[in-house]
């Protein structure tokens, strides 16, 4: 039986798909440019900065919850474990051929923010998959492939990332992957610098960043007060599936990378690129029209 599902009784119109594709391409371009600017700002700052401990300041470490929304854990229902296991098995079989990133690139996956050299998790994203995720769920076609860098310096495939539109309810997300097994997350309440002011990403106050997902600023009023742009709901839902590292559901679906990346500064993960010049729009399920 096919695991491909749709939450719509009718196929999306050509106009809707065209709008989704255009939105994805535009926002991917904006975010890539933002990541490049941020990398330059960080490099310039590092050249004159005094080395500090890798751990984020306590003020920053306590702010990540203001900018992260997680789905609640539901009681396990009959069939949940089997459904999650089937999704994991399908994903594992479908992405095994991408152990070498060359194969992933040949199939249309592109590394997000390649100019950020030391990422905690490297995301290779296929934009068309992100668009399709709004209208159907195919476990064999994740939005992103996930890699980590080994001691040998090579990238090793660890799993995939699925996405869904940001306006989706917990019930819809549960239809894709049971919430008794997995936790979807999305980033919320970001205050970002205005366009053309990327160096302001380096601003700090009381030991914490003024902007981004480590900032204590989580309301429009507070963001307006520092001259920023407020994004209440900038990105879509995401969930990691580390199927190449284990067969244990707790390991596959228990990736808390999002929260810890906030604590570690978000400098070594894909979301660092997202935060630096993000603007309203759609990115990996942000707002593809599927609701």
C-alpha atoms as a PDB file:
ATOM      1  CA  UNK A   1       0.000   0.000   0.000  1.00  0.00           C
ATOM      2  CA  UNK A   2       1.333   3.411  -0.923  1.00  0.00           C
ATOM      3  CA  UNK A   3       2.329   5.733   1.889  1.00  0.00           C
ATOM      4  CA  UNK A   4       1.827   8.794  -0.281  1.00  0.00           C
ATOM      5  CA  UNK A   5      -1.075  10.772   1.136  1.00  0.00           C
ATOM      6  CA  UNK A   6      -2.945  13.948   0.292  1.00  0.00           C
ATOM      7  CA  UNK A   7      -4.973  16.111   2.631  1.00  0.00           C
ATOM      8  CA  UNK A   8      -6.858  17.716  -0.234  1.00  0.00           C
ATOM      9  CA  UNK A   9      -9.811  16.289  -2.119  1.00  0.00           C
ATOM     10  CA  UNK A  10      -8.808  18.175  -5.262  1.00  0.00           C
ATOM     11  CA  UNK A  11      -5.426  18.657  -6.879  1.00  0.00           C
ATOM     12  CA  UNK A  12      -4.002  22.157  -6.530  1.00  0.00           C
ATOM     13  CA  UNK A  13      -4.720  24.526  -9.390  1.00  0.00           C
ATOM     14  CA  UNK A  14      -1.944  25.452 -11.795  1.00  0.00           C
ATOM     15  CA  UNK A  15      -2.124  29.017 -10.520  1.00  0.00           C
ATOM     16  CA  UNK A  16      -1.627  27.861  -6.924  1.00  0.00           C
ATOM     17  CA  UNK A  17       1.351  25.715  -7.870  1.00  0.00           C
ATOM     18  CA  UNK A  18       2.905  28.525  -9.925  1.00  0.00           C
ATOM     19  CA  UNK A  19       2.486  30.908  -6.986  1.00  0.00           C
ATOM     20  CA  UNK A  20       4.048  28.374  -4.622  1.00  0.00           C
ATOM     21  CA  UNK A  21       7.006  27.766  -6.924  1.00  0.00           C
ATOM     22  CA  UNK A  22       7.593  31.485  -7.421  1.00  0.00           C
ATOM     23  CA  UNK A  23       7.420  32.091  -3.680  1.00  0.00           C
ATOM     24  CA  UNK A  24       9.852  29.318  -2.906  1.00  0.00           C
ATOM     25  CA  UNK A  25      12.393  30.484  -5.462  1.00  0.00           C
ATOM     26  CA  UNK A  26      12.165  34.110  -4.326  1.00  0.00           C
ATOM     27  CA  UNK A  27      12.559  33.367  -0.633  1.00  0.00           C
ATOM     28  CA  UNK A  28      15.338  30.832  -1.163  1.00  0.00           C
ATOM     29  CA  UNK A  29      17.226  33.557  -3.051  1.00  0.00           C
ATOM     30  CA  UNK A  30      16.631  36.132  -0.301  1.00  0.00           C
ATOM     31  CA  UNK A  31      17.742  33.743   2.413  1.00  0.00           C
ATOM     32  CA  UNK A  32      20.845  32.676   0.527  1.00  0.00           C
ATOM     33  CA  UNK A  33      21.869  36.305   0.057  1.00  0.00           C
ATOM     34  CA  UNK A  34      21.179  36.960   3.714  1.00  0.00           C
ATOM     35  CA  UNK A  35      23.365  34.060   4.765  1.00  0.00           C
ATOM     36  CA  UNK A  36      26.203  35.368   2.604  1.00  0.00           C
ATOM     37  CA  UNK A  37      25.964  38.806   4.193  1.00  0.00           C
ATOM     38  CA  UNK A  38      25.829  37.318   7.664  1.00  0.00           C
ATOM     39  CA  UNK A  39      28.862  35.176   7.009  1.00  0.00           C
ATOM     40  CA  UNK A  40      30.794  38.264   5.922  1.00  0.00           C
ATOM     41  CA  UNK A  41      29.672  40.189   9.009  1.00  0.00           C
ATOM     42  CA  UNK A  42      30.634  37.310  11.280  1.00  0.00           C
ATOM     43  CA  UNK A  43      34.041  36.975   9.617  1.00  0.00           C
ATOM     44  CA  UNK A  44      34.768  40.676  10.050  1.00  0.00           C
ATOM     45  CA  UNK A  45      33.656  40.534  13.669  1.00  0.00           C
ATOM     46  CA  UNK A  46      35.740  37.433  14.395  1.00  0.00           C
ATOM     47  CA  UNK A  47      38.858  39.126  13.072  1.00  0.00           C
ATOM     48  CA  UNK A  48      38.644  41.730  15.853  1.00  0.00           C
ATOM     49  CA  UNK A  49      36.908  39.803  18.609  1.00  0.00           C
ATOM     50  CA  UNK A  50      38.352  38.357  21.777  1.00  0.00           C
ATOM     51  CA  UNK A  51      37.902  34.546  21.865  1.00  0.00           C
ATOM     52  CA  UNK A  52      35.111  33.394  24.155  1.00  0.00           C
ATOM     53  CA  UNK A  53      33.765  30.092  25.385  1.00  0.00           C
ATOM     54  CA  UNK A  54      31.693  28.144  22.873  1.00  0.00           C
ATOM     55  CA  UNK A  55      28.644  28.103  25.133  1.00  0.00           C
ATOM     56  CA  UNK A  56      26.082  30.847  24.534  1.00  0.00           C
ATOM     57  CA  UNK A  57      25.639  33.440  27.313  1.00  0.00           C
ATOM     58  CA  UNK A  58      23.046  32.554  29.899  1.00  0.00           C
ATOM     59  CA  UNK A  59      20.776  35.362  28.725  1.00  0.00           C
ATOM     60  CA  UNK A  60      20.741  33.974  25.197  1.00  0.00           C
ATOM     61  CA  UNK A  61      20.338  30.385  26.375  1.00  0.00           C
ATOM     62  CA  UNK A  62      17.136  31.320  28.199  1.00  0.00           C
ATOM     63  CA  UNK A  63      15.455  32.991  25.236  1.00  0.00           C
ATOM     64  CA  UNK A  64      15.152  30.169  22.743  1.00  0.00           C
ATOM     65  CA  UNK A  65      11.738  29.094  24.028  1.00  0.00           C
ATOM     66  CA  UNK A  66      10.349  32.478  22.999  1.00  0.00           C
ATOM     67  CA  UNK A  67      11.059  31.654  19.369  1.00  0.00           C
ATOM     68  CA  UNK A  68      10.263  27.960  19.083  1.00  0.00           C
ATOM     69  CA  UNK A  69       6.889  26.267  18.795  1.00  0.00           C
ATOM     70  CA  UNK A  70       6.756  22.497  19.239  1.00  0.00           C
ATOM     71  CA  UNK A  71       3.843  20.152  18.680  1.00  0.00           C
ATOM     72  CA  UNK A  72       2.555  18.544  21.897  1.00  0.00           C
ATOM     73  CA  UNK A  73       3.056  14.857  22.544  1.00  0.00           C
ATOM     74  CA  UNK A  74      -0.167  12.930  21.997  1.00  0.00           C
ATOM     75  CA  UNK A  75      -1.145   9.636  23.626  1.00  0.00           C
ATOM     76  CA  UNK A  76      -0.132   6.771  21.396  1.00  0.00           C
ATOM     77  CA  UNK A  77      -2.968   5.487  19.240  1.00  0.00           C
ATOM     78  CA  UNK A  78      -3.355   2.092  17.568  1.00  0.00           C
ATOM     79  CA  UNK A  79      -1.210   1.955  14.472  1.00  0.00           C
ATOM     80  CA  UNK A  80       1.010   4.928  15.354  1.00  0.00           C
ATOM     81  CA  UNK A  81       4.181   2.905  15.881  1.00  0.00           C
ATOM     82  CA  UNK A  82       3.668   0.894  12.711  1.00  0.00           C
ATOM     83  CA  UNK A  83       2.934   4.014  10.662  1.00  0.00           C
ATOM     84  CA  UNK A  84       6.039   5.828  11.931  1.00  0.00           C
ATOM     85  CA  UNK A  85       8.169   2.726  11.321  1.00  0.00           C
ATOM     86  CA  UNK A  86       6.870   2.437   7.750  1.00  0.00           C
ATOM     87  CA  UNK A  87       7.688   6.097   7.051  1.00  0.00           C
ATOM     88  CA  UNK A  88      11.196   5.636   8.449  1.00  0.00           C
ATOM     89  CA  UNK A  89      11.784   2.484   6.409  1.00  0.00           C
ATOM     90  CA  UNK A  90      10.610   4.175   3.223  1.00  0.00           C
ATOM     91  CA  UNK A  91      12.814   7.193   3.823  1.00  0.00           C
ATOM     92  CA  UNK A  92      15.846   5.058   4.650  1.00  0.00           C
ATOM     93  CA  UNK A  93      15.500   3.032   1.463  1.00  0.00           C
ATOM     94  CA  UNK A  94      14.884   6.066  -0.737  1.00  0.00           C
ATOM     95  CA  UNK A  95      17.795   8.212   0.432  1.00  0.00           C
ATOM     96  CA  UNK A  96      20.478   5.555   0.839  1.00  0.00           C
ATOM     97  CA  UNK A  97      21.685   6.425  -2.680  1.00  0.00           C
ATOM     98  CA  UNK A  98      22.567   9.913  -1.429  1.00  0.00           C
ATOM     99  CA  UNK A  99      25.336   8.784   0.905  1.00  0.00           C
ATOM    100  CA  UNK A 100      27.599  10.708  -1.462  1.00  0.00           C
ATOM    101  CA  UNK A 101      26.502  14.347  -1.718  1.00  0.00           C
ATOM    102  CA  UNK A 102      27.441  14.286  -5.408  1.00  0.00           C
ATOM    103  CA  UNK A 103      24.424  12.077  -6.060  1.00  0.00           C
ATOM    104  CA  UNK A 104      22.191  14.428  -4.085  1.00  0.00           C
ATOM    105  CA  UNK A 105      23.338  17.445  -6.085  1.00  0.00           C
ATOM    106  CA  UNK A 106      22.815  15.548  -9.344  1.00  0.00           C
ATOM    107  CA  UNK A 107      19.178  14.988  -8.303  1.00  0.00           C
ATOM    108  CA  UNK A 108      18.551  18.654  -7.568  1.00  0.00           C
ATOM    109  CA  UNK A 109      19.420  18.974  -3.874  1.00  0.00           C
ATOM    110  CA  UNK A 110      21.476  22.037  -2.994  1.00  0.00           C
ATOM    111  CA  UNK A 111      23.420  22.765   0.189  1.00  0.00           C
ATOM    112  CA  UNK A 112      21.854  25.563   2.178  1.00  0.00           C
ATOM    113  CA  UNK A 113      24.252  28.390   3.059  1.00  0.00           C
ATOM    114  CA  UNK A 114      27.424  26.706   1.715  1.00  0.00           C
ATOM    115  CA  UNK A 115      29.457  29.776   2.704  1.00  0.00           C
ATOM    116  CA  UNK A 116      28.941  28.843   6.378  1.00  0.00           C
ATOM    117  CA  UNK A 117      31.698  26.267   6.604  1.00  0.00           C
ATOM    118  CA  UNK A 118      31.166  24.661  10.015  1.00  0.00           C
ATOM    119  CA  UNK A 119      27.521  23.757  10.301  1.00  0.00           C
ATOM    120  CA  UNK A 120      26.181  21.450  12.965  1.00  0.00           C
ATOM    121  CA  UNK A 121      23.811  19.861  10.470  1.00  0.00           C
ATOM    122  CA  UNK A 122      24.156  20.399   6.722  1.00  0.00           C
ATOM    123  CA  UNK A 123      20.835  20.630   4.894  1.00  0.00           C
ATOM    124  CA  UNK A 124      20.699  19.795   1.201  1.00  0.00           C
ATOM    125  CA  UNK A 125      17.297  21.083   0.085  1.00  0.00           C
ATOM    126  CA  UNK A 126      15.277  20.445  -3.069  1.00  0.00           C
ATOM    127  CA  UNK A 127      12.924  23.370  -3.638  1.00  0.00           C
ATOM    128  CA  UNK A 128      10.380  21.454  -5.698  1.00  0.00           C
ATOM    129  CA  UNK A 129       9.991  18.893  -2.914  1.00  0.00           C
ATOM    130  CA  UNK A 130       9.233  21.769  -0.542  1.00  0.00           C
ATOM    131  CA  UNK A 131       6.444  22.971  -2.828  1.00  0.00           C
ATOM    132  CA  UNK A 132       4.966  19.491  -3.179  1.00  0.00           C
ATOM    133  CA  UNK A 133       5.015  18.950   0.583  1.00  0.00           C
ATOM    134  CA  UNK A 134       2.194  21.490   0.831  1.00  0.00           C
ATOM    135  CA  UNK A 135      -0.103  19.300  -1.253  1.00  0.00           C
ATOM    136  CA  UNK A 136       0.970  15.745  -0.579  1.00  0.00           C
ATOM    137  CA  UNK A 137       3.141  13.683   1.749  1.00  0.00           C
ATOM    138  CA  UNK A 138       5.552  11.267   0.128  1.00  0.00           C
ATOM    139  CA  UNK A 139       7.949   9.764   2.697  1.00  0.00           C
ATOM    140  CA  UNK A 140      10.361   8.922  -0.117  1.00  0.00           C
ATOM    141  CA  UNK A 141      10.779  12.588  -1.080  1.00  0.00           C
ATOM    142  CA  UNK A 142      11.922  14.695   1.887  1.00  0.00           C
ATOM    143  CA  UNK A 143      12.371  18.435   1.509  1.00  0.00           C
ATOM    144  CA  UNK A 144      15.964  18.185   2.742  1.00  0.00           C
ATOM    145  CA  UNK A 145      18.699  15.619   3.198  1.00  0.00           C
ATOM    146  CA  UNK A 146      20.657  15.917   6.438  1.00  0.00           C
ATOM    147  CA  UNK A 147      24.395  15.431   6.770  1.00  0.00           C
ATOM    148  CA  UNK A 148      26.906  15.841   9.564  1.00  0.00           C
ATOM    149  CA  UNK A 149      30.647  16.261   9.202  1.00  0.00           C
ATOM    150  CA  UNK A 150      32.695  13.330  10.462  1.00  0.00           C
ATOM    151  CA  UNK A 151      36.148  13.289  12.010  1.00  0.00           C
ATOM    152  CA  UNK A 152      37.460  12.526   8.525  1.00  0.00           C
ATOM    153  CA  UNK A 153      36.100  15.849   7.290  1.00  0.00           C
ATOM    154  CA  UNK A 154      33.589  14.176   4.979  1.00  0.00           C
ATOM    155  CA  UNK A 155      29.828  14.680   5.100  1.00  0.00           C
ATOM    156  CA  UNK A 156      27.856  11.661   6.273  1.00  0.00           C
ATOM    157  CA  UNK A 157      24.155  11.176   5.549  1.00  0.00           C
ATOM    158  CA  UNK A 158      22.102  10.968   8.756  1.00  0.00           C
ATOM    159  CA  UNK A 159      18.526  11.395   7.563  1.00  0.00           C
ATOM    160  CA  UNK A 160      15.936  13.655   6.005  1.00  0.00           C
ATOM    161  CA  UNK A 161      13.713  16.565   6.925  1.00  0.00           C
ATOM    162  CA  UNK A 162      10.009  16.855   6.110  1.00  0.00           C
ATOM    163  CA  UNK A 163       8.133  20.145   6.010  1.00  0.00           C
ATOM    164  CA  UNK A 164       4.533  21.348   6.082  1.00  0.00           C
ATOM    165  CA  UNK A 165       2.770  24.723   5.699  1.00  0.00           C
ATOM    166  CA  UNK A 166       3.033  26.964   8.740  1.00  0.00           C
ATOM    167  CA  UNK A 167      -0.749  27.339   9.145  1.00  0.00           C
ATOM    168  CA  UNK A 168      -1.368  23.612   9.500  1.00  0.00           C
ATOM    169  CA  UNK A 169      -3.019  22.330  12.656  1.00  0.00           C
ATOM    170  CA  UNK A 170      -1.661  19.618  14.904  1.00  0.00           C
ATOM    171  CA  UNK A 171      -4.321  17.291  13.520  1.00  0.00           C
ATOM    172  CA  UNK A 172      -2.998  17.693   9.979  1.00  0.00           C
ATOM    173  CA  UNK A 173       0.577  17.183  11.096  1.00  0.00           C
ATOM    174  CA  UNK A 174      -0.491  14.073  12.998  1.00  0.00           C
ATOM    175  CA  UNK A 175      -1.952  12.664   9.790  1.00  0.00           C
ATOM    176  CA  UNK A 176       1.508  12.820   8.267  1.00  0.00           C
ATOM    177  CA  UNK A 177       3.634  11.591  11.158  1.00  0.00           C
ATOM    178  CA  UNK A 178       1.998  10.622  14.469  1.00  0.00           C
ATOM    179  CA  UNK A 179       2.577  13.193  17.191  1.00  0.00           C
ATOM    180  CA  UNK A 180       2.852  10.405  19.735  1.00  0.00           C
ATOM    181  CA  UNK A 181       6.160   9.512  18.052  1.00  0.00           C
ATOM    182  CA  UNK A 182       7.573  12.682  16.495  1.00  0.00           C
ATOM    183  CA  UNK A 183       7.700  16.390  17.322  1.00  0.00           C
ATOM    184  CA  UNK A 184       7.333  18.969  14.579  1.00  0.00           C
ATOM    185  CA  UNK A 185       8.797  22.410  15.256  1.00  0.00           C
ATOM    186  CA  UNK A 186       8.652  25.868  13.717  1.00  0.00           C
ATOM    187  CA  UNK A 187      10.363  29.145  14.424  1.00  0.00           C
ATOM    188  CA  UNK A 188       8.233  32.070  15.601  1.00  0.00           C
ATOM    189  CA  UNK A 189       8.430  35.685  16.832  1.00  0.00           C
ATOM    190  CA  UNK A 190      11.624  36.841  15.182  1.00  0.00           C
ATOM    191  CA  UNK A 191      12.838  40.423  15.235  1.00  0.00           C
ATOM    192  CA  UNK A 192      15.257  40.974  12.352  1.00  0.00           C
ATOM    193  CA  UNK A 193      17.200  43.998  11.091  1.00  0.00           C
ATOM    194  CA  UNK A 194      15.724  45.969   8.182  1.00  0.00           C
ATOM    195  CA  UNK A 195      16.969  45.218   4.690  1.00  0.00           C
ATOM    196  CA  UNK A 196      20.426  46.557   4.017  1.00  0.00           C
ATOM    197  CA  UNK A 197      21.431  46.537   7.706  1.00  0.00           C
ATOM    198  CA  UNK A 198      22.967  43.080   8.040  1.00  0.00           C
ATOM    199  CA  UNK A 199      25.736  44.280  10.356  1.00  0.00           C
ATOM    200  CA  UNK A 200      23.061  44.887  12.990  1.00  0.00           C
ATOM    201  CA  UNK A 201      22.935  41.107  13.498  1.00  0.00           C
ATOM    202  CA  UNK A 202      26.005  41.622  15.658  1.00  0.00           C
ATOM    203  CA  UNK A 203      24.232  43.971  18.090  1.00  0.00           C
ATOM    204  CA  UNK A 204      23.918  42.740  21.674  1.00  0.00           C
ATOM    205  CA  UNK A 205      22.221  44.062  24.805  1.00  0.00           C
ATOM    206  CA  UNK A 206      22.465  42.680  28.351  1.00  0.00           C
ATOM    207  CA  UNK A 207      24.477  39.700  27.159  1.00  0.00           C
ATOM    208  CA  UNK A 208      22.045  38.588  24.467  1.00  0.00           C
ATOM    209  CA  UNK A 209      21.615  39.278  20.738  1.00  0.00           C
ATOM    210  CA  UNK A 210      19.192  42.073  19.892  1.00  0.00           C
ATOM    211  CA  UNK A 211      17.982  40.246  16.798  1.00  0.00           C
ATOM    212  CA  UNK A 212      17.170  36.660  15.871  1.00  0.00           C
ATOM    213  CA  UNK A 213      16.126  33.505  17.683  1.00  0.00           C
ATOM    214  CA  UNK A 214      18.328  34.096  20.735  1.00  0.00           C
ATOM    215  CA  UNK A 215      16.948  37.565  21.397  1.00  0.00           C
ATOM    216  CA  UNK A 216      14.653  38.334  24.333  1.00  0.00           C
ATOM    217  CA  UNK A 217      12.559  40.386  21.891  1.00  0.00           C
ATOM    218  CA  UNK A 218       9.484  38.375  20.962  1.00  0.00           C
ATOM    219  CA  UNK A 219       6.752  40.959  20.349  1.00  0.00           C
ATOM    220  CA  UNK A 220       6.130  43.478  17.586  1.00  0.00           C
ATOM    221  CA  UNK A 221       6.123  46.383  20.022  1.00  0.00           C
ATOM    222  CA  UNK A 222       9.553  45.491  21.385  1.00  0.00           C
ATOM    223  CA  UNK A 223      10.878  44.898  17.875  1.00  0.00           C
ATOM    224  CA  UNK A 224       9.566  48.245  16.677  1.00  0.00           C
ATOM    225  CA  UNK A 225      11.356  49.896  19.600  1.00  0.00           C
ATOM    226  CA  UNK A 226      14.754  48.751  18.286  1.00  0.00           C
ATOM    227  CA  UNK A 227      13.927  49.575  14.668  1.00  0.00           C
ATOM    228  CA  UNK A 228      13.552  45.976  13.534  1.00  0.00           C
ATOM    229  CA  UNK A 229      11.110  44.048  11.367  1.00  0.00           C
ATOM    230  CA  UNK A 230       8.904  41.596  13.239  1.00  0.00           C
ATOM    231  CA  UNK A 231       8.127  38.167  11.757  1.00  0.00           C
ATOM    232  CA  UNK A 232       5.503  36.411  13.850  1.00  0.00           C
ATOM    233  CA  UNK A 233       5.493  33.216  11.820  1.00  0.00           C
ATOM    234  CA  UNK A 234       8.324  33.278   9.262  1.00  0.00           C
ATOM    235  CA  UNK A 235       8.767  29.602   8.427  1.00  0.00           C
ATOM    236  CA  UNK A 236       6.811  26.392   8.122  1.00  0.00           C
ATOM    237  CA  UNK A 237       6.697  23.255  10.215  1.00  0.00           C
ATOM    238  CA  UNK A 238       9.734  20.943  10.114  1.00  0.00           C
ATOM    239  CA  UNK A 239      10.620  17.532  11.476  1.00  0.00           C
ATOM    240  CA  UNK A 240      13.911  15.621  11.307  1.00  0.00           C
ATOM    241  CA  UNK A 241      14.074  11.865  10.759  1.00  0.00           C
ATOM    242  CA  UNK A 242      17.546  10.470  11.524  1.00  0.00           C
ATOM    243  CA  UNK A 243      16.920   7.172   9.795  1.00  0.00           C
ATOM    244  CA  UNK A 244      20.519   6.498   8.785  1.00  0.00           C
ATOM    245  CA  UNK A 245      21.816   6.575  12.355  1.00  0.00           C
ATOM    246  CA  UNK A 246      19.499   4.106  14.099  1.00  0.00           C
ATOM    247  CA  UNK A 247      16.385   1.948  13.897  1.00  0.00           C
ATOM    248  CA  UNK A 248      15.281   3.108  17.341  1.00  0.00           C
ATOM    249  CA  UNK A 249      12.242   5.422  17.027  1.00  0.00           C
ATOM    250  CA  UNK A 250      13.494   7.508  19.952  1.00  0.00           C
ATOM    251  CA  UNK A 251      16.672   8.277  18.013  1.00  0.00           C
ATOM    252  CA  UNK A 252      15.024   8.662  14.602  1.00  0.00           C
ATOM    253  CA  UNK A 253      12.327  11.086  15.730  1.00  0.00           C
ATOM    254  CA  UNK A 254      13.876  12.390  18.945  1.00  0.00           C
ATOM    255  CA  UNK A 255      16.133  14.958  17.321  1.00  0.00           C
ATOM    256  CA  UNK A 256      16.049  18.049  19.538  1.00  0.00           C
ATOM    257  CA  UNK A 257      18.503  19.807  17.227  1.00  0.00           C
ATOM    258  CA  UNK A 258      16.291  22.858  16.888  1.00  0.00           C
ATOM    259  CA  UNK A 259      16.320  23.756  20.553  1.00  0.00           C
ATOM    260  CA  UNK A 260      19.986  23.068  21.109  1.00  0.00           C
ATOM    261  CA  UNK A 261      20.983  24.968  18.013  1.00  0.00           C
ATOM    262  CA  UNK A 262      19.308  27.972  19.598  1.00  0.00           C
ATOM    263  CA  UNK A 263      21.442  27.496  22.708  1.00  0.00           C
ATOM    264  CA  UNK A 264      24.616  26.985  20.702  1.00  0.00           C
ATOM    265  CA  UNK A 265      24.111  30.215  18.817  1.00  0.00           C
ATOM    266  CA  UNK A 266      22.506  28.972  15.590  1.00  0.00           C
ATOM    267  CA  UNK A 267      25.783  29.819  13.882  1.00  0.00           C
ATOM    268  CA  UNK A 268      26.529  26.294  12.732  1.00  0.00           C
ATOM    269  CA  UNK A 269      23.207  25.206  11.311  1.00  0.00           C
ATOM    270  CA  UNK A 270      20.938  25.911   8.397  1.00  0.00           C
ATOM    271  CA  UNK A 271      18.702  28.148  10.461  1.00  0.00           C
ATOM    272  CA  UNK A 272      21.587  30.592  10.826  1.00  0.00           C
ATOM    273  CA  UNK A 273      21.206  31.301   7.150  1.00  0.00           C
ATOM    274  CA  UNK A 274      17.465  31.649   7.519  1.00  0.00           C
ATOM    275  CA  UNK A 275      17.640  34.243  10.265  1.00  0.00           C
ATOM    276  CA  UNK A 276      20.035  36.695   8.720  1.00  0.00           C
ATOM    277  CA  UNK A 277      17.887  38.319   6.093  1.00  0.00           C
ATOM    278  CA  UNK A 278      14.569  36.524   6.366  1.00  0.00           C
ATOM    279  CA  UNK A 279      11.459  38.341   5.236  1.00  0.00           C
ATOM    280  CA  UNK A 280       7.824  37.409   4.906  1.00  0.00           C
ATOM    281  CA  UNK A 281       7.253  34.627   2.454  1.00  0.00           C
ATOM    282  CA  UNK A 282       7.596  30.915   2.133  1.00  0.00           C
ATOM    283  CA  UNK A 283      10.507  28.679   2.898  1.00  0.00           C
ATOM    284  CA  UNK A 284      10.272  24.928   3.106  1.00  0.00           C
ATOM    285  CA  UNK A 285       6.613  24.820   3.896  1.00  0.00           C
ATOM    286  CA  UNK A 286       6.316  28.420   5.019  1.00  0.00           C
ATOM    287  CA  UNK A 287       3.166  29.193   3.092  1.00  0.00           C
ATOM    288  CA  UNK A 288       2.815  27.122  -0.027  1.00  0.00           C
ATOM    289  CA  UNK A 289      -0.913  27.342  -0.278  1.00  0.00           C
ATOM    290  CA  UNK A 290      -1.717  23.964   1.226  1.00  0.00           C
ATOM    291  CA  UNK A 291      -3.872  24.593   4.253  1.00  0.00           C
END
